[in-house]
Protein backbone atom coordinates (compact mmCIF):
# COMPACT_ATOMS: atom_id res chain seq x y z
CA VAL A 1 -0.06 0.06 -0.15
CA THR A 2 1.63 3.24 -1.09
CA GLU A 3 -1.05 5.67 -0.34
CA LYS A 4 -4.49 5.98 1.23
CA SER A 5 -7.34 8.73 0.70
CA TYR A 6 -9.38 10.20 3.49
CA PRO A 7 -12.82 8.27 3.75
CA ARG A 8 -15.90 10.26 2.24
CA ALA A 9 -19.62 9.48 2.96
CA VAL A 10 -21.72 8.03 0.10
CA ARG A 11 -25.13 6.97 0.05
CA SER A 12 -26.06 3.56 -0.21
CA LYS A 13 -28.59 2.07 -3.12
CA ARG A 14 -30.21 0.18 -0.16
CA GLY A 15 -30.58 3.36 1.94
CA GLY A 16 -28.43 4.42 4.47
CA GLU A 17 -24.92 5.93 4.42
CA LEU A 18 -21.42 4.19 4.01
CA THR A 19 -18.15 5.36 4.01
CA VAL A 20 -15.38 4.84 1.07
CA SER A 21 -11.91 5.46 0.21
CA ASN A 22 -9.17 4.46 -1.97
CA ALA A 23 -5.62 2.59 -1.63
CA ALA A 24 -3.20 2.74 -4.15
CA LEU A 25 -1.53 -0.83 -4.38
CA GLU A 26 2.00 -1.21 -6.02
CA ASP A 27 4.41 -4.17 -6.97
CA ALA A 28 6.80 -4.91 -10.10
CA THR A 29 4.08 -5.11 -12.50
CA GLY A 30 2.24 -2.14 -11.90
CA ARG A 31 -0.10 0.19 -9.87
CA VAL A 32 -3.80 -0.41 -9.12
CA VAL A 33 -6.39 1.34 -6.86
CA MET A 34 -8.15 -0.81 -4.38
CA VAL A 35 -11.71 0.34 -2.95
CA LEU A 36 -12.05 0.35 0.61
CA TRP A 37 -15.40 0.18 2.47
CA ASP A 38 -16.56 1.11 5.92
CA LYS A 39 -14.02 -0.60 8.28
CA GLN A 40 -11.51 -2.00 5.85
CA PHE A 41 -9.98 1.95 5.64
CA GLU A 42 -9.39 1.00 9.35
CA THR A 43 -7.43 -2.11 8.88
CA VAL A 44 -5.59 -0.83 5.78
CA LYS A 45 -2.40 0.91 6.38
CA VAL A 46 0.29 2.46 4.22
CA GLY A 47 3.26 0.45 4.13
CA ALA A 48 1.25 -2.87 4.60
CA ARG A 49 1.45 -5.71 2.37
CA LEU A 50 -1.72 -7.52 1.42
CA ARG A 51 -3.34 -10.39 0.18
CA VAL A 52 -6.71 -10.35 -1.43
CA GLU A 53 -8.83 -13.69 -2.09
CA LYS A 54 -11.75 -13.82 -4.49
CA GLY A 55 -11.60 -9.84 -5.18
CA TYR A 56 -12.61 -8.69 -8.53
CA THR A 57 -11.72 -5.65 -10.80
CA ASN A 58 -13.71 -3.21 -12.83
CA ALA A 59 -13.19 0.52 -14.05
CA TYR A 60 -14.81 3.46 -12.84
CA GLY A 61 -14.14 6.69 -14.57
CA GLY A 62 -11.84 4.67 -16.81
CA VAL A 63 -9.54 3.75 -13.63
CA LYS A 64 -9.11 0.15 -12.87
CA GLN A 65 -10.07 -0.60 -9.42
CA LEU A 66 -9.45 -3.57 -7.25
CA ASN A 67 -12.65 -4.54 -5.02
CA ILE A 68 -12.92 -7.13 -1.83
CA GLY A 69 -16.48 -7.77 -2.44
CA TYR A 70 -17.52 -10.96 -0.72
CA GLY A 71 -13.61 -11.98 -0.64
CA ARG A 72 -11.27 -11.74 1.98
CA LEU A 73 -8.45 -8.94 2.76
CA ILE A 74 -5.20 -10.38 4.57
CA THR A 75 -2.56 -8.24 5.80
CA LEU A 76 0.78 -9.87 5.73
CA ILE A 77 3.90 -9.40 7.92
């Protein structure tokens, strides 16, 4: 994780409010933006090494994004 944006409030399609932010992930192959929802923001720290299991990618505003969805986000040591 090379950087992380501040969380912002968004309205859920089902009603209510959620928080969302982005984290930039980089390795030797390139860079991708990961979307962090609610408590994921608190668990992801700049400088951390992560593993994402059963995540998926999509594009928003022409930018590729990695989403955890119903997958798992694991912080590595």
